[in-house]
C-alpha atoms as a PDB file:
ATOM      1  CA  UNK A   1      25.585  92.924  81.430  1.00  0.00           C
ATOM      2  CA  UNK A   2      26.725  90.283  78.988  1.00  0.00           C
ATOM      3  CA  UNK A   3      27.372  91.539  75.490  1.00  0.00           C
ATOM      4  CA  UNK A   4      25.057  89.975  72.958  1.00  0.00           C
ATOM      5  CA  UNK A   5      26.862  89.132  69.715  1.00  0.00           C
ATOM      6  CA  UNK A   6      25.566  90.813  66.604  1.00  0.00           C
ATOM      7  CA  UNK A   7      23.179  88.720  64.547  1.00  0.00           C
ATOM      8  CA  UNK A   8      24.617  87.547  61.230  1.00  0.00           C
ATOM      9  CA  UNK A   9      23.815  89.741  58.251  1.00  0.00           C
ATOM     10  CA  UNK A  10      22.170  86.990  56.224  1.00  0.00           C
ATOM     11  CA  UNK A  11      21.397  89.375  53.359  1.00  0.00           C
ATOM     12  CA  UNK A  12      25.087  90.149  52.823  1.00  0.00           C
ATOM     13  CA  UNK A  13      26.130  86.532  53.374  1.00  0.00           C
ATOM     14  CA  UNK A  14      23.580  85.471  50.767  1.00  0.00           C
ATOM     15  CA  UNK A  15      24.635  88.138  48.264  1.00  0.00           C
ATOM     16  CA  UNK A  16      28.287  87.214  48.659  1.00  0.00           C
ATOM     17  CA  UNK A  17      27.838  83.454  48.446  1.00  0.00           C
ATOM     18  CA  UNK A  18      25.427  83.651  45.508  1.00  0.00           C
ATOM     19  CA  UNK A  19      28.359  84.664  43.292  1.00  0.00           C
ATOM     20  CA  UNK A  20      30.343  81.537  44.165  1.00  0.00           C
ATOM     21  CA  UNK A  21      27.275  79.332  43.777  1.00  0.00           C
ATOM     22  CA  UNK A  22      26.744  80.733  40.288  1.00  0.00           C
ATOM     23  CA  UNK A  23      30.403  80.347  39.344  1.00  0.00           C
ATOM     24  CA  UNK A  24      30.744  76.811  40.694  1.00  0.00           C
ATOM     25  CA  UNK A  25      27.837  75.780  38.479  1.00  0.00           C
ATOM     26  CA  UNK A  26      27.894  78.143  35.525  1.00  0.00           C
ATOM     27  CA  UNK A  27      31.447  77.860  34.201  1.00  0.00           C
ATOM     28  CA  UNK A  28      30.587  74.527  32.566  1.00  0.00           C
ATOM     29  CA  UNK A  29      28.036  76.191  30.262  1.00  0.00           C
ATOM     30  CA  UNK A  30      30.779  77.246  27.841  1.00  0.00           C
ATOM     31  CA  UNK A  31      33.364  74.550  28.488  1.00  0.00           C
ATOM     32  CA  UNK A  32      34.871  73.098  25.281  1.00  0.00           C
ATOM     33  CA  UNK A  33      35.222  69.710  26.981  1.00  0.00           C
ATOM     34  CA  UNK A  34      31.474  69.625  27.521  1.00  0.00           C
ATOM     35  CA  UNK A  35      30.766  70.866  23.986  1.00  0.00           C
ATOM     36  CA  UNK A  36      32.884  68.072  22.499  1.00  0.00           C
ATOM     37  CA  UNK A  37      30.879  65.511  24.419  1.00  0.00           C
ATOM     38  CA  UNK A  38      27.579  67.038  23.292  1.00  0.00           C
ATOM     39  CA  UNK A  39      28.750  66.949  19.693  1.00  0.00           C
ATOM     40  CA  UNK A  40      29.728  63.297  20.059  1.00  0.00           C
ATOM     41  CA  UNK A  41      26.160  62.611  21.178  1.00  0.00           C
ATOM     42  CA  UNK A  42      24.712  64.073  18.010  1.00  0.00           C
ATOM     43  CA  UNK A  43      24.415  67.839  18.347  1.00  0.00           C
ATOM     44  CA  UNK A  44      25.774  69.825  15.375  1.00  0.00           C
ATOM     45  CA  UNK A  45      29.227  71.260  16.037  1.00  0.00           C
ATOM     46  CA  UNK A  46      28.236  74.902  15.542  1.00  0.00           C
ATOM     47  CA  UNK A  47      25.465  74.636  18.157  1.00  0.00           C
ATOM     48  CA  UNK A  48      26.831  71.929  20.446  1.00  0.00           C
ATOM     49  CA  UNK A  49      27.871  74.279  23.243  1.00  0.00           C
ATOM     50  CA  UNK A  50      24.692  76.334  23.754  1.00  0.00           C
ATOM     51  CA  UNK A  51      22.225  73.582  22.859  1.00  0.00           C
ATOM     52  CA  UNK A  52      24.123  71.093  24.991  1.00  0.00           C
ATOM     53  CA  UNK A  53      24.085  73.478  27.935  1.00  0.00           C
ATOM     54  CA  UNK A  54      20.331  73.901  27.625  1.00  0.00           C
ATOM     55  CA  UNK A  55      19.755  70.181  27.162  1.00  0.00           C
ATOM     56  CA  UNK A  56      21.921  69.154  30.119  1.00  0.00           C
ATOM     57  CA  UNK A  57      20.405  71.740  32.415  1.00  0.00           C
ATOM     58  CA  UNK A  58      16.790  71.034  31.511  1.00  0.00           C
ATOM     59  CA  UNK A  59      17.159  67.235  31.339  1.00  0.00           C
ATOM     60  CA  UNK A  60      15.216  66.565  34.587  1.00  0.00           C
ATOM     61  CA  UNK A  61      12.252  68.493  33.155  1.00  0.00           C
ATOM     62  CA  UNK A  62      12.549  67.453  29.497  1.00  0.00           C
ATOM     63  CA  UNK A  63       9.859  64.813  29.786  1.00  0.00           C
ATOM     64  CA  UNK A  64       7.315  67.577  30.423  1.00  0.00           C
ATOM     65  CA  UNK A  65       8.043  69.105  27.008  1.00  0.00           C
ATOM     66  CA  UNK A  66       9.422  72.304  25.542  1.00  0.00           C
ATOM     67  CA  UNK A  67       6.755  74.627  26.941  1.00  0.00           C
ATOM     68  CA  UNK A  68       7.458  73.530  30.509  1.00  0.00           C
ATOM     69  CA  UNK A  69      11.177  74.071  29.985  1.00  0.00           C
ATOM     70  CA  UNK A  70      10.573  77.515  28.457  1.00  0.00           C
ATOM     71  CA  UNK A  71       8.527  78.426  31.530  1.00  0.00           C
ATOM     72  CA  UNK A  72      11.277  77.217  33.875  1.00  0.00           C
ATOM     73  CA  UNK A  73      14.284  78.755  32.129  1.00  0.00           C
ATOM     74  CA  UNK A  74      12.949  82.293  31.923  1.00  0.00           C
ATOM     75  CA  UNK A  75      16.077  83.891  30.496  1.00  0.00           C
ATOM     76  CA  UNK A  76      16.655  81.707  27.423  1.00  0.00           C
ATOM     77  CA  UNK A  77      14.954  82.296  24.067  1.00  0.00           C
ATOM     78  CA  UNK A  78      11.996  79.966  23.471  1.00  0.00           C
ATOM     79  CA  UNK A  79      13.247  79.521  19.899  1.00  0.00           C
ATOM     80  CA  UNK A  80      16.555  78.132  21.182  1.00  0.00           C
ATOM     81  CA  UNK A  81      14.846  75.765  23.598  1.00  0.00           C
ATOM     82  CA  UNK A  82      12.547  74.451  20.884  1.00  0.00           C
ATOM     83  CA  UNK A  83      15.669  73.957  18.760  1.00  0.00           C
ATOM     84  CA  UNK A  84      17.178  71.725  21.422  1.00  0.00           C
ATOM     85  CA  UNK A  85      13.980  69.663  21.537  1.00  0.00           C
ATOM     86  CA  UNK A  86      13.996  69.424  17.744  1.00  0.00           C
ATOM     87  CA  UNK A  87      17.431  67.817  17.798  1.00  0.00           C
ATOM     88  CA  UNK A  88      17.042  65.570  20.843  1.00  0.00           C
ATOM     89  CA  UNK A  89      13.310  64.771  21.047  1.00  0.00           C
ATOM     90  CA  UNK A  90      13.398  62.034  23.717  1.00  0.00           C
ATOM     91  CA  UNK A  91      14.031  62.491  27.468  1.00  0.00           C
ATOM     92  CA  UNK A  92      16.675  59.755  27.321  1.00  0.00           C
ATOM     93  CA  UNK A  93      18.763  61.839  24.926  1.00  0.00           C
ATOM     94  CA  UNK A  94      18.493  64.823  27.257  1.00  0.00           C
ATOM     95  CA  UNK A  95      19.748  62.686  30.151  1.00  0.00           C
ATOM     96  CA  UNK A  96      22.654  61.564  28.001  1.00  0.00           C
ATOM     97  CA  UNK A  97      23.623  65.252  27.794  1.00  0.00           C
ATOM     98  CA  UNK A  98      23.276  65.474  31.577  1.00  0.00           C
ATOM     99  CA  UNK A  99      25.735  62.609  32.080  1.00  0.00           C
ATOM    100  CA  UNK A 100      28.113  64.033  29.463  1.00  0.00           C
ATOM    101  CA  UNK A 101      28.113  67.339  31.326  1.00  0.00           C
ATOM    102  CA  UNK A 102      28.910  65.542  34.579  1.00  0.00           C
ATOM    103  CA  UNK A 103      31.908  63.872  32.945  1.00  0.00           C
ATOM    104  CA  UNK A 104      33.147  67.247  31.726  1.00  0.00           C
ATOM    105  CA  UNK A 105      32.543  68.735  35.186  1.00  0.00           C
ATOM    106  CA  UNK A 106      34.616  66.174  37.050  1.00  0.00           C
ATOM    107  CA  UNK A 107      37.429  66.527  34.549  1.00  0.00           C
ATOM    108  CA  UNK A 108      37.311  70.314  34.295  1.00  0.00           C
ATOM    109  CA  UNK A 109      37.080  71.103  37.987  1.00  0.00           C
ATOM    110  CA  UNK A 110      40.213  69.084  38.653  1.00  0.00           C
ATOM    111  CA  UNK A 111      42.006  70.693  35.715  1.00  0.00           C
ATOM    112  CA  UNK A 112      41.011  74.355  36.030  1.00  0.00           C
ATOM    113  CA  UNK A 113      40.257  74.834  39.741  1.00  0.00           C
ATOM    114  CA  UNK A 114      41.698  71.897  41.707  1.00  0.00           C
ATOM    115  CA  UNK A 115      41.366  73.788  44.986  1.00  0.00           C
ATOM    116  CA  UNK A 116      37.572  73.497  44.743  1.00  0.00           C
ATOM    117  CA  UNK A 117      37.576  69.690  44.734  1.00  0.00           C
ATOM    118  CA  UNK A 118      38.059  69.048  48.446  1.00  0.00           C
ATOM    119  CA  UNK A 119      35.632  71.793  49.548  1.00  0.00           C
ATOM    120  CA  UNK A 120      32.931  70.370  47.258  1.00  0.00           C
ATOM    121  CA  UNK A 121      33.502  66.865  48.599  1.00  0.00           C
ATOM    122  CA  UNK A 122      33.362  68.181  52.176  1.00  0.00           C
ATOM    123  CA  UNK A 123      30.304  70.369  51.530  1.00  0.00           C
ATOM    124  CA  UNK A 124      27.986  67.738  50.071  1.00  0.00           C
ATOM    125  CA  UNK A 125      27.061  65.893  53.297  1.00  0.00           C
ATOM    126  CA  UNK A 126      26.291  69.219  55.010  1.00  0.00           C
ATOM    127  CA  UNK A 127      24.470  70.869  52.111  1.00  0.00           C
ATOM    128  CA  UNK A 128      22.144  68.081  51.014  1.00  0.00           C
ATOM    129  CA  UNK A 129      20.131  68.136  54.286  1.00  0.00           C
ATOM    130  CA  UNK A 130      19.772  71.909  53.802  1.00  0.00           C
ATOM    131  CA  UNK A 131      18.691  71.561  50.190  1.00  0.00           C
ATOM    132  CA  UNK A 132      16.074  68.988  51.157  1.00  0.00           C
ATOM    133  CA  UNK A 133      14.446  71.455  53.586  1.00  0.00           C
ATOM    134  CA  UNK A 134      13.975  74.281  51.082  1.00  0.00           C
ATOM    135  CA  UNK A 135      10.378  75.196  50.164  1.00  0.00           C
ATOM    136  CA  UNK A 136       9.285  73.375  47.029  1.00  0.00           C
ATOM    137  CA  UNK A 137       6.129  75.292  46.067  1.00  0.00           C
ATOM    138  CA  UNK A 138       6.678  77.429  42.981  1.00  0.00           C
ATOM    139  CA  UNK A 139      10.211  76.095  42.422  1.00  0.00           C
ATOM    140  CA  UNK A 140       9.634  73.699  39.547  1.00  0.00           C
ATOM    141  CA  UNK A 141      13.160  73.627  38.157  1.00  0.00           C
ATOM    142  CA  UNK A 142      14.592  73.060  41.628  1.00  0.00           C
ATOM    143  CA  UNK A 143      12.059  70.313  42.259  1.00  0.00           C
ATOM    144  CA  UNK A 144      12.942  68.543  39.024  1.00  0.00           C
ATOM    145  CA  UNK A 145      16.655  68.651  39.868  1.00  0.00           C
ATOM    146  CA  UNK A 146      16.064  67.496  43.434  1.00  0.00           C
ATOM    147  CA  UNK A 147      14.309  64.368  42.135  1.00  0.00           C
ATOM    148  CA  UNK A 148      17.303  63.158  40.104  1.00  0.00           C
ATOM    149  CA  UNK A 149      19.363  60.367  41.684  1.00  0.00           C
ATOM    150  CA  UNK A 150      22.486  61.714  43.348  1.00  0.00           C
ATOM    151  CA  UNK A 151      25.855  60.776  41.905  1.00  0.00           C
ATOM    152  CA  UNK A 152      27.978  58.261  43.797  1.00  0.00           C
ATOM    153  CA  UNK A 153      31.066  60.378  43.093  1.00  0.00           C
ATOM    154  CA  UNK A 154      31.461  62.647  46.175  1.00  0.00           C
ATOM    155  CA  UNK A 155      32.749  65.521  44.023  1.00  0.00           C
ATOM    156  CA  UNK A 156      29.741  65.412  41.715  1.00  0.00           C
ATOM    157  CA  UNK A 157      27.417  64.919  44.678  1.00  0.00           C
ATOM    158  CA  UNK A 158      28.689  68.136  46.239  1.00  0.00           C
ATOM    159  CA  UNK A 159      28.383  69.950  42.921  1.00  0.00           C
ATOM    160  CA  UNK A 160      24.806  68.768  42.423  1.00  0.00           C
ATOM    161  CA  UNK A 161      23.858  70.000  45.898  1.00  0.00           C
ATOM    162  CA  UNK A 162      25.211  73.440  44.950  1.00  0.00           C
ATOM    163  CA  UNK A 163      23.360  73.201  41.636  1.00  0.00           C
ATOM    164  CA  UNK A 164      20.056  72.522  43.419  1.00  0.00           C
ATOM    165  CA  UNK A 165      20.727  75.588  45.558  1.00  0.00           C
ATOM    166  CA  UNK A 166      21.301  77.627  42.414  1.00  0.00           C
ATOM    167  CA  UNK A 167      18.108  76.414  40.741  1.00  0.00           C
ATOM    168  CA  UNK A 168      16.104  77.172  43.893  1.00  0.00           C
ATOM    169  CA  UNK A 169      17.414  80.728  43.859  1.00  0.00           C
ATOM    170  CA  UNK A 170      16.747  80.988  40.135  1.00  0.00           C
ATOM    171  CA  UNK A 171      13.138  79.870  40.516  1.00  0.00           C
ATOM    172  CA  UNK A 172      12.698  82.456  43.274  1.00  0.00           C
ATOM    173  CA  UNK A 173      14.211  85.177  41.101  1.00  0.00           C
ATOM    174  CA  UNK A 174      11.938  84.411  38.153  1.00  0.00           C
ATOM    175  CA  UNK A 175       8.876  84.460  40.398  1.00  0.00           C
ATOM    176  CA  UNK A 176       9.839  88.038  41.266  1.00  0.00           C
ATOM    177  CA  UNK A 177      10.367  88.897  37.597  1.00  0.00           C
ATOM    178  CA  UNK A 178       6.916  87.570  36.747  1.00  0.00           C
ATOM    179  CA  UNK A 179       5.377  89.368  39.731  1.00  0.00           C
ATOM    180  CA  UNK A 180       6.856  92.601  38.338  1.00  0.00           C
ATOM    181  CA  UNK A 181       4.926  91.957  35.106  1.00  0.00           C
ATOM    182  CA  UNK A 182       8.013  91.478  32.942  1.00  0.00           C
ATOM    183  CA  UNK A 183       8.383  89.206  29.926  1.00  0.00           C
ATOM    184  CA  UNK A 184      11.554  87.346  28.958  1.00  0.00           C
ATOM    185  CA  UNK A 185      12.655  90.149  26.638  1.00  0.00           C
ATOM    186  CA  UNK A 186      11.700  92.987  29.002  1.00  0.00           C
ATOM    187  CA  UNK A 187      13.629  91.382  31.855  1.00  0.00           C
ATOM    188  CA  UNK A 188      16.719  91.007  29.664  1.00  0.00           C
ATOM    189  CA  UNK A 189      16.543  94.634  28.519  1.00  0.00           C
ATOM    190  CA  UNK A 190      16.339  95.932  32.097  1.00  0.00           C
ATOM    191  CA  UNK A 191      19.054  93.560  33.276  1.00  0.00           C
ATOM    192  CA  UNK A 192      21.305  94.624  30.415  1.00  0.00           C
ATOM    193  CA  UNK A 193      20.889  98.308  31.286  1.00  0.00           C
ATOM    194  CA  UNK A 194      21.418  97.596  35.007  1.00  0.00           C
ATOM    195  CA  UNK A 195      24.708  95.890  34.107  1.00  0.00           C
ATOM    196  CA  UNK A 196      25.763  98.789  31.894  1.00  0.00           C
ATOM    197  CA  UNK A 197      26.271  96.571  28.835  1.00  0.00           C
ATOM    198  CA  UNK A 198      25.935  97.819  25.280  1.00  0.00           C
ATOM    199  CA  UNK A 199      22.346  97.967  24.098  1.00  0.00           C
ATOM    200  CA  UNK A 200      20.614  94.567  23.845  1.00  0.00           C
ATOM    201  CA  UNK A 201      23.807  92.564  24.336  1.00  0.00           C
ATOM    202  CA  UNK A 202      22.305  90.356  27.023  1.00  0.00           C
ATOM    203  CA  UNK A 203      19.089  89.625  25.152  1.00  0.00           C
ATOM    204  CA  UNK A 204      20.983  88.746  21.974  1.00  0.00           C
ATOM    205  CA  UNK A 205      23.384  86.503  23.897  1.00  0.00           C
ATOM    206  CA  UNK A 206      20.375  84.525  25.139  1.00  0.00           C
ATOM    207  CA  UNK A 207      19.007  84.029  21.638  1.00  0.00           C
ATOM    208  CA  UNK A 208      16.147  86.522  21.863  1.00  0.00           C
ATOM    209  CA  UNK A 209      14.820  87.391  18.406  1.00  0.00           C
ATOM    210  CA  UNK A 210      15.002  90.988  17.106  1.00  0.00           C
ATOM    211  CA  UNK A 211      11.196  91.028  16.974  1.00  0.00           C
ATOM    212  CA  UNK A 212      10.899  90.051  20.627  1.00  0.00           C
ATOM    213  CA  UNK A 213      13.538  92.619  21.604  1.00  0.00           C
ATOM    214  CA  UNK A 214      11.651  95.371  19.757  1.00  0.00           C
ATOM    215  CA  UNK A 215       8.411  94.295  21.419  1.00  0.00           C
ATOM    216  CA  UNK A 216      10.156  94.365  24.804  1.00  0.00           C
ATOM    217  CA  UNK A 217      11.360  97.936  24.292  1.00  0.00           C
ATOM    218  CA  UNK A 218       7.879  99.025  23.216  1.00  0.00           C
ATOM    219  CA  UNK A 219       6.262  97.394  26.244  1.00  0.00           C
ATOM    220  CA  UNK A 220       8.761  98.966  28.635  1.00  0.00           C
ATOM    221  CA  UNK A 221       8.123 102.364  27.043  1.00  0.00           C
ATOM    222  CA  UNK A 222       4.391 101.978  27.687  1.00  0.00           C
ATOM    223  CA  UNK A 223       5.204 101.230  31.328  1.00  0.00           C
ATOM    224  CA  UNK A 224       7.365 104.343  31.639  1.00  0.00           C
ATOM    225  CA  UNK A 225      10.543 102.288  32.090  1.00  0.00           C
ATOM    226  CA  UNK A 226      12.077 103.372  28.770  1.00  0.00           C
ATOM    227  CA  UNK A 227      12.457 106.784  27.163  1.00  0.00           C
ATOM    228  CA  UNK A 228      13.742 106.855  23.619  1.00  0.00           C
ATOM    229  CA  UNK A 229      16.748 104.531  23.404  1.00  0.00           C
ATOM    230  CA  UNK A 230      17.418 104.342  27.134  1.00  0.00           C
ATOM    231  CA  UNK A 231      16.076 102.578  30.184  1.00  0.00           C
ATOM    232  CA  UNK A 232      14.898 105.145  32.713  1.00  0.00           C
ATOM    233  CA  UNK A 233      16.041 105.525  36.311  1.00  0.00           C
ATOM    234  CA  UNK A 234      12.757 103.871  37.310  1.00  0.00           C
ATOM    235  CA  UNK A 235      13.632 100.871  35.156  1.00  0.00           C
ATOM    236  CA  UNK A 236      17.062 100.560  36.750  1.00  0.00           C
ATOM    237  CA  UNK A 237      15.503 100.892  40.204  1.00  0.00           C
ATOM    238  CA  UNK A 238      13.021  98.122  39.420  1.00  0.00           C
ATOM    239  CA  UNK A 239      15.829  95.790  38.364  1.00  0.00           C
ATOM    240  CA  UNK A 240      17.733  96.634  41.554  1.00  0.00           C
ATOM    241  CA  UNK A 241      14.646  95.875  43.662  1.00  0.00           C
ATOM    242  CA  UNK A 242      14.313  92.488  41.973  1.00  0.00           C
ATOM    243  CA  UNK A 243      17.957  91.751  42.788  1.00  0.00           C
ATOM    244  CA  UNK A 244      17.608  92.878  46.397  1.00  0.00           C
ATOM    245  CA  UNK A 245      14.376  90.948  46.865  1.00  0.00           C
ATOM    246  CA  UNK A 246      16.004  87.834  45.402  1.00  0.00           C
ATOM    247  CA  UNK A 247      18.722  88.044  48.031  1.00  0.00           C
ATOM    248  CA  UNK A 248      16.222  88.717  50.837  1.00  0.00           C
ATOM    249  CA  UNK A 249      14.089  85.732  49.836  1.00  0.00           C
ATOM    250  CA  UNK A 250      17.002  83.310  49.475  1.00  0.00           C
ATOM    251  CA  UNK A 251      18.729  83.672  52.844  1.00  0.00           C
ATOM    252  CA  UNK A 252      17.118  80.459  54.146  1.00  0.00           C
ATOM    253  CA  UNK A 253      19.703  77.920  52.921  1.00  0.00           C
ATOM    254  CA  UNK A 254      22.545  79.877  54.510  1.00  0.00           C
ATOM    255  CA  UNK A 255      20.617  80.255  57.756  1.00  0.00           C
ATOM    256  CA  UNK A 256      20.019  76.498  57.774  1.00  0.00           C
ATOM    257  CA  UNK A 257      23.675  75.823  56.998  1.00  0.00           C
ATOM    258  CA  UNK A 258      24.700  78.129  59.846  1.00  0.00           C
ATOM    259  CA  UNK A 259      26.939  81.168  60.066  1.00  0.00           C
ATOM    260  CA  UNK A 260      30.213  79.291  60.595  1.00  0.00           C
ATOM    261  CA  UNK A 261      29.722  76.969  57.634  1.00  0.00           C
ATOM    262  CA  UNK A 262      28.354  79.773  55.435  1.00  0.00           C
ATOM    263  CA  UNK A 263      31.445  81.883  56.068  1.00  0.00           C
ATOM    264  CA  UNK A 264      33.626  78.828  55.478  1.00  0.00           C
ATOM    265  CA  UNK A 265      31.888  78.444  52.107  1.00  0.00           C
ATOM    266  CA  UNK A 266      32.828  82.023  51.166  1.00  0.00           C
ATOM    267  CA  UNK A 267      36.459  81.574  52.157  1.00  0.00           C
ATOM    268  CA  UNK A 268      36.862  78.131  50.587  1.00  0.00           C
ATOM    269  CA  UNK A 269      35.055  78.749  47.307  1.00  0.00           C
ATOM    270  CA  UNK A 270      35.934  82.298  46.315  1.00  0.00           C
ATOM    271  CA  UNK A 271      39.609  81.668  45.362  1.00  0.00           C
ATOM    272  CA  UNK A 272      38.956  78.692  43.047  1.00  0.00           C
ATOM    273  CA  UNK A 273      35.866  80.437  41.669  1.00  0.00           C
ATOM    274  CA  UNK A 274      38.121  83.255  40.479  1.00  0.00           C
ATOM    275  CA  UNK A 275      39.900  80.637  38.359  1.00  0.00           C
ATOM    276  CA  UNK A 276      36.597  79.295  37.036  1.00  0.00           C
ATOM    277  CA  UNK A 277      35.425  82.811  36.171  1.00  0.00           C
ATOM    278  CA  UNK A 278      38.703  83.375  34.335  1.00  0.00           C
ATOM    279  CA  UNK A 279      37.853  80.219  32.406  1.00  0.00           C
ATOM    280  CA  UNK A 280      34.512  81.795  31.432  1.00  0.00           C
ATOM    281  CA  UNK A 281      36.398  84.882  30.226  1.00  0.00           C
ATOM    282  CA  UNK A 282      38.503  82.620  28.001  1.00  0.00           C
ATOM    283  CA  UNK A 283      35.777  80.346  26.637  1.00  0.00           C
ATOM    284  CA  UNK A 284      32.873  82.821  26.340  1.00  0.00           C
ATOM    285  CA  UNK A 285      33.896  86.403  27.121  1.00  0.00           C
ATOM    286  CA  UNK A 286      34.000  88.922  29.924  1.00  0.00           C
ATOM    287  CA  UNK A 287      30.310  89.845  29.670  1.00  0.00           C
ATOM    288  CA  UNK A 288      29.107  86.327  30.312  1.00  0.00           C
ATOM    289  CA  UNK A 289      27.927  85.035  33.675  1.00  0.00           C
ATOM    290  CA  UNK A 290      27.264  88.483  35.150  1.00  0.00           C
ATOM    291  CA  UNK A 291      25.832  86.944  38.339  1.00  0.00           C
ATOM    292  CA  UNK A 292      29.373  85.809  39.175  1.00  0.00           C
ATOM    293  CA  UNK A 293      30.843  89.302  38.922  1.00  0.00           C
ATOM    294  CA  UNK A 294      31.058  92.137  41.409  1.00  0.00           C
ATOM    295  CA  UNK A 295      29.363  95.118  39.809  1.00  0.00           C
ATOM    296  CA  UNK A 296      31.085  98.498  40.133  1.00  0.00           C
ATOM    297  CA  UNK A 297      28.965 101.256  41.682  1.00  0.00           C
ATOM    298  CA  UNK A 298      26.813 103.101  39.160  1.00  0.00           C
ATOM    299  CA  UNK A 299      27.849 106.660  38.377  1.00  0.00           C
END
């Protein structure tokens, strides 16, 4: 009999590669080079980094208004998003932030993780046909990003393909959060406990108001997911199920890309992504971008 090779473990491939996808995209959120560009375009210096990140990321959807962006972001405080709209107001100004971010990206990738440049350039032509096949229904943020004209720069084109992949996964994740009956604040509280961070760190870092945090704790207590000042084992298990289900429901792009290319992605992107994550440690702090980090086993 001929031995049949084992089928790829798409769940583990997806879980592994999701970290590099997040890092390839997310490091720019706190980059001083990007913040300087946002400030030059009119954002106040003390808020240029976070508001610029939100504005650049939501630019394809900004024309639909603040409420649509709040619905798409999920994790970010509605107050902060409305603040970005208060400063920028017109979709054209949001797209200016988008282009400023792209300038900072091209510069920063070459400066802080030059080994990622050639893989991104090589990946783009393979990844775009995959991205175009992903299911659109229910993935509004992904759909808005997919509609934006692709950059002519091959490096930025590859990065934007990865970014579309990230937004597709993010939309899928937030559908699961909503299906679990969780609000923005409740999801942050459970995520924070699952990560083992100090109480409410994650919610505060995302601009959630103290009132919304208190309401989130009260709601989770009514659901039996909080006792006193602590998230229960059931709450942690729910957050783990959401994570596992996110990985199970986002294997498709890697299956379409194929096992060989998916494993190449892991090998090519993980080393430079370590450098980009170190950059996050320097510009934001070691708690930020938890989706890029390997979590130690819980005690």
